Amino acid sequence: MKQKPPFTVCYQDTCIIVVNKASGIAVSADRWDDAKERLDTLLVPLVGKVFTVHRIDRDTSGLVVFTLDGETHKRLSQAFEEHLVQKSYIAVVHGRPSWKETGCDLPLVPDGDKQHRTIIDKCRGKPSVTQFRLLGTAGTYSVVEALPETGRTHQIRVHLTSLGHPVVCDPLYGTIKPVFLSSFKRGWRGDPLQERPLLSRLGLHAARLVLPGYPPAMADNLTLNAPLPRDMAALINQMEKSAGTSLLSIII
């Protein structure tokens, strides 16, 4: 039986290809991740050589942009570096934030310790800014929208942890404990020995990108959206049922 690829194509033209990647696959090679299966190599049989414009974490699902030529790569890379690309992430986090909207500007140093974690360092850290919006809560979990204005490694995860609300199932900055329905649904009467987790991987999804001055005519912006993966959609669906509020209509 042919194995389903860990991505779907969201958009493609003669200059770029945009995919919605699954959690668990690296975008491209880096210093400490020598995985043989990477997104950039998996795309070669489909479109030939691709140029990596930006990255998201291996365990984060969602949108990744690749270019098909050097000139477009240069232009879009510059747009990302100059923080001209609008990015929106959906995260399921621990706790119930007291804020509806907030921001975090703690400076960060990527690869700052032996575990290759990003650390907060007010002296050596690079400027890092993320805006957050609370979408809803259920039990001891919440769904937030993260709008990073800069693009540091693990930025959203570190900033949320610093606010006291780490992303669920985060082995580096929180806990790897899976999320079960019984942990937030009142009156749950299932068998705890038979219950399967709703989510057992990092609860972070790159949901939207707005590329400035695209297509190449530089006249319009290109808005790209990636539906939530099945596991996160199922979790948030159960959260909204438990809380009696609608979330999926807002974020998909």
Protein backbone atom coordinates (compact mmCIF):
# COMPACT_ATOMS: atom_id res chain seq x y z
CA MET A 1 0.00 0.00 0.00
CA LYS A 2 1.43 3.35 -1.06
CA GLN A 3 2.27 5.60 1.88
CA LYS A 4 0.57 8.97 1.99
CA PRO A 5 3.11 11.85 1.73
CA PRO A 6 3.47 14.02 4.86
CA PHE A 7 2.29 17.15 3.04
CA THR A 8 -0.36 18.52 0.72
CA VAL A 9 0.18 21.23 -1.88
CA CYS A 10 -1.77 24.40 -1.06
CA TYR A 11 -0.55 26.59 -3.92
CA GLN A 12 1.80 26.30 -6.87
CA ASP A 13 2.81 28.44 -9.83
CA THR A 14 5.96 28.84 -11.91
CA CYS A 15 7.83 30.58 -9.06
CA ILE A 16 6.76 29.00 -5.77
CA ILE A 17 5.21 25.95 -4.19
CA VAL A 18 3.46 26.17 -0.82
CA VAL A 19 2.71 23.05 1.20
CA ASN A 20 0.81 22.20 4.36
CA LYS A 21 3.20 19.85 6.13
CA ALA A 22 2.41 17.26 8.77
CA SER A 23 3.95 17.31 12.22
CA GLY A 24 7.08 15.21 12.57
CA ILE A 25 8.98 16.03 9.39
CA ALA A 26 11.84 18.51 9.07
CA VAL A 27 11.66 21.27 6.45
CA SER A 28 15.34 21.03 5.51
CA ALA A 29 18.69 20.06 7.00
CA ASP A 30 20.16 21.88 9.97
CA ARG A 31 23.15 21.47 12.25
CA TRP A 32 21.60 19.06 14.75
CA ASP A 33 18.88 17.35 12.72
CA ASP A 34 20.25 14.88 10.17
CA ALA A 35 16.92 13.23 9.30
CA LYS A 36 17.01 11.47 5.94
CA GLU A 37 13.39 12.28 5.14
CA ARG A 38 12.98 16.03 4.71
CA LEU A 39 10.38 18.15 3.03
CA ASP A 40 12.78 19.79 0.59
CA THR A 41 13.98 16.41 -0.72
CA LEU A 42 10.47 14.94 -0.91
CA LEU A 43 9.44 17.77 -3.23
CA VAL A 44 12.20 17.07 -5.77
CA PRO A 45 10.31 14.32 -7.66
CA LEU A 46 7.30 16.63 -7.85
CA VAL A 47 8.84 19.94 -8.97
CA GLY A 48 12.61 19.47 -9.12
CA LYS A 49 15.05 21.41 -6.96
CA VAL A 50 13.46 23.78 -4.46
CA PHE A 51 14.90 26.71 -2.50
CA THR A 52 14.03 26.96 1.19
CA VAL A 53 12.66 30.40 2.07
CA HIS A 54 11.81 29.87 5.74
CA ARG A 55 11.37 27.05 8.26
CA ILE A 56 8.92 25.90 10.87
CA ASP A 57 9.76 23.40 13.61
CA ARG A 58 9.81 19.70 12.78
CA ASP A 59 6.91 19.06 15.19
CA THR A 60 4.86 22.06 14.04
CA SER A 61 2.34 21.43 11.26
CA GLY A 62 1.28 23.94 8.63
CA LEU A 63 2.42 26.22 5.84
CA VAL A 64 5.91 26.23 4.34
CA VAL A 65 6.95 28.21 1.25
CA PHE A 66 9.59 27.05 -1.24
CA THR A 67 10.69 28.85 -4.39
CA LEU A 68 11.52 27.25 -7.71
CA ASP A 69 14.14 29.77 -8.87
CA GLY A 70 16.91 31.84 -7.36
CA GLU A 71 15.45 35.28 -8.09
CA THR A 72 12.15 34.55 -6.36
CA HIS A 73 14.07 32.98 -3.48
CA LYS A 74 16.08 36.17 -3.02
CA ARG A 75 12.99 38.37 -3.07
CA LEU A 76 10.86 36.29 -0.70
CA SER A 77 13.76 35.61 1.67
CA GLN A 78 14.24 39.35 1.96
CA ALA A 79 10.54 39.80 2.70
CA PHE A 80 10.77 37.28 5.56
CA GLU A 81 13.97 38.85 6.90
CA GLU A 82 12.40 42.32 6.86
CA HIS A 83 9.31 40.98 8.69
CA LEU A 84 7.00 41.92 5.81
CA VAL A 85 5.29 38.51 5.72
CA GLN A 86 2.23 38.25 7.97
CA LYS A 87 2.13 34.95 9.88
CA SER A 88 -0.63 33.43 11.99
CA TYR A 89 -0.33 30.29 14.11
CA ILE A 90 -2.92 28.38 16.12
CA ALA A 91 -1.75 26.88 19.43
CA VAL A 92 -3.41 24.77 22.10
CA VAL A 93 -1.86 25.70 25.42
CA HIS A 94 -1.98 24.80 29.08
CA GLY A 95 -3.95 27.03 31.42
CA ARG A 96 -6.53 29.78 31.09
CA PRO A 97 -4.93 33.15 30.22
CA SER A 98 -6.24 36.16 32.09
CA TRP A 99 -5.81 38.28 28.96
CA LYS A 100 -7.81 38.52 25.74
CA GLU A 101 -4.83 39.96 23.89
CA THR A 102 -1.22 40.41 24.91
CA GLY A 103 2.28 40.64 23.52
CA CYS A 104 5.72 39.32 24.44
CA ASP A 105 9.00 40.97 23.44
CA LEU A 106 11.57 38.97 25.40
CA PRO A 107 14.87 38.74 23.45
CA LEU A 108 15.89 35.24 22.42
CA VAL A 109 19.06 33.27 21.74
CA PRO A 110 18.45 30.21 19.50
CA ASP A 111 20.42 27.03 20.25
CA GLY A 112 21.26 28.45 23.65
CA ASP A 113 21.83 25.26 25.66
CA LYS A 114 22.90 21.63 25.31
CA GLN A 115 19.36 20.61 24.32
CA HIS A 116 19.43 23.09 21.42
CA ARG A 117 16.66 25.09 23.08
CA THR A 118 16.05 28.77 22.52
CA ILE A 119 16.68 30.73 25.70
CA ILE A 120 15.67 34.16 26.96
CA ASP A 121 18.67 36.45 27.37
CA LYS A 122 18.13 40.16 27.85
CA CYS A 123 21.82 40.91 27.19
CA ARG A 124 22.68 38.67 24.23
CA GLY A 125 19.24 37.90 22.83
CA LYS A 126 17.94 39.09 19.47
CA PRO A 127 14.81 41.28 19.41
CA SER A 128 11.77 39.00 19.30
CA VAL A 129 8.11 40.02 19.28
CA THR A 130 4.93 37.91 19.29
CA GLN A 131 1.34 39.09 19.65
CA PHE A 132 -1.26 36.73 21.11
CA ARG A 133 -5.05 36.57 21.00
CA LEU A 134 -7.14 34.25 23.17
CA LEU A 135 -9.73 32.35 21.11
CA GLY A 136 -11.32 30.24 23.85
CA THR A 137 -10.85 27.90 26.79
CA ALA A 138 -12.09 24.51 27.96
CA GLY A 139 -11.12 23.09 31.33
CA THR A 140 -7.43 23.73 31.88
CA TYR A 141 -6.64 24.23 28.18
CA SER A 142 -6.94 27.20 25.85
CA VAL A 143 -6.66 27.96 22.14
CA VAL A 144 -4.69 31.05 21.15
CA GLU A 145 -3.70 32.73 17.91
CA ALA A 146 -0.03 33.71 17.73
CA LEU A 147 1.13 36.49 15.41
CA PRO A 148 4.95 36.52 15.35
CA GLU A 149 6.46 39.78 14.13
CA THR A 150 9.95 38.27 14.10
CA GLY A 151 11.04 34.76 13.17
CA ARG A 152 13.35 33.31 15.82
CA THR A 153 13.66 29.56 16.25
CA HIS A 154 10.98 28.27 18.69
CA GLN A 155 9.88 31.87 19.28
CA ILE A 156 6.18 31.18 19.84
CA ARG A 157 6.86 28.22 22.10
CA VAL A 158 9.32 30.12 24.30
CA HIS A 159 7.17 33.25 24.52
CA LEU A 160 4.08 31.25 25.49
CA THR A 161 6.05 29.37 28.13
CA SER A 162 7.32 32.67 29.52
CA LEU A 163 3.70 33.80 29.85
CA GLY A 164 2.89 30.67 31.86
CA HIS A 165 1.01 28.90 29.05
CA PRO A 166 3.27 26.39 27.29
CA VAL A 167 2.05 24.66 24.14
CA VAL A 168 0.62 21.22 24.91
CA CYS A 169 2.81 18.17 24.23
CA ASP A 170 5.98 20.24 24.03
CA PRO A 171 8.95 18.11 25.14
CA LEU A 172 11.39 21.05 25.14
CA TYR A 173 9.49 23.82 26.91
CA GLY A 174 6.61 22.08 28.66
CA THR A 175 5.49 18.49 29.05
CA ILE A 176 5.05 15.59 26.63
CA LYS A 177 1.85 14.48 28.41
CA PRO A 178 -0.89 13.86 25.79
CA VAL A 179 -4.26 15.61 25.91
CA PHE A 180 -7.23 13.39 26.75
CA LEU A 181 -10.93 14.19 26.53
CA SER A 182 -11.32 13.19 30.17
CA SER A 183 -8.96 15.99 31.21
CA PHE A 184 -11.46 18.72 30.33
CA LYS A 185 -14.91 17.20 29.65
CA ARG A 186 -17.15 17.38 32.69
CA GLY A 187 -18.88 14.14 33.62
CA TRP A 188 -16.67 11.98 31.41
CA ARG A 189 -17.50 8.32 32.18
CA GLY A 190 -15.24 6.35 29.87
CA ASP A 191 -12.71 3.67 30.75
CA PRO A 192 -9.42 5.42 31.62
CA LEU A 193 -7.48 2.29 30.61
CA GLN A 194 -9.00 2.32 27.12
CA GLU A 195 -9.02 6.06 26.43
CA ARG A 196 -6.92 7.24 23.52
CA PRO A 197 -5.38 10.72 23.47
CA LEU A 198 -6.91 13.41 21.28
CA LEU A 199 -3.48 14.95 20.74
CA SER A 200 -0.04 13.50 21.46
CA ARG A 201 2.20 15.85 19.43
CA LEU A 202 3.08 19.52 19.62
CA GLY A 203 -0.15 21.52 19.47
CA LEU A 204 1.08 24.24 17.13
CA HIS A 205 -0.05 24.87 13.54
CA ALA A 206 1.12 27.46 11.00
CA ALA A 207 -2.32 28.41 9.71
CA ARG A 208 -1.92 31.51 7.54
CA LEU A 209 0.68 33.46 5.55
CA VAL A 210 0.29 36.69 3.63
CA LEU A 211 3.08 37.24 1.11
CA PRO A 212 3.57 40.91 0.17
CA GLY A 213 3.68 42.01 -3.42
CA TYR A 214 2.86 38.63 -4.89
CA PRO A 215 2.39 37.48 -7.69
CA PRO A 216 5.64 38.68 -9.29
CA ALA A 217 3.88 41.73 -10.73
CA MET A 218 4.30 43.08 -7.16
CA ALA A 219 0.77 44.46 -7.22
CA ASP A 220 -1.16 42.29 -4.76
CA ASN A 221 -0.64 40.25 -1.64
CA LEU A 222 -1.07 36.48 -1.71
CA THR A 223 -3.00 35.03 1.25
CA LEU A 224 -2.43 31.35 1.98
CA ASN A 225 -4.38 29.21 4.45
CA ALA A 226 -3.78 25.70 5.80
CA PRO A 227 -6.69 23.80 7.40
CA LEU A 228 -6.03 22.36 10.84
CA PRO A 229 -4.74 18.78 10.77
CA ARG A 230 -7.18 16.13 11.85
CA ASP A 231 -5.83 15.65 15.37
CA MET A 232 -5.83 19.35 16.28
CA ALA A 233 -9.23 19.86 14.65
CA ALA A 234 -10.67 16.97 16.66
CA LEU A 235 -9.25 18.34 19.91
CA ILE A 236 -10.51 21.87 19.32
CA ASN A 237 -13.89 20.50 18.23
CA GLN A 238 -14.20 18.66 21.56
CA MET A 239 -13.04 21.77 23.41
CA GLU A 240 -15.74 23.91 21.82
CA LYS A 241 -18.38 21.29 22.61
CA SER A 242 -17.24 21.25 26.23
CA ALA A 243 -17.12 25.04 26.49
CA GLY A 244 -20.26 25.67 24.44
CA THR A 245 -18.48 28.14 22.17
CA SER A 246 -17.45 28.13 18.52
CA LEU A 247 -13.76 28.18 17.66
CA LEU A 248 -13.34 26.31 14.39
CA SER A 249 -15.44 28.82 12.46
CA ILE A 250 -13.04 31.53 13.56
CA ILE A 251 -9.74 29.88 12.75
CA ILE A 252 -10.29 27.72 9.69
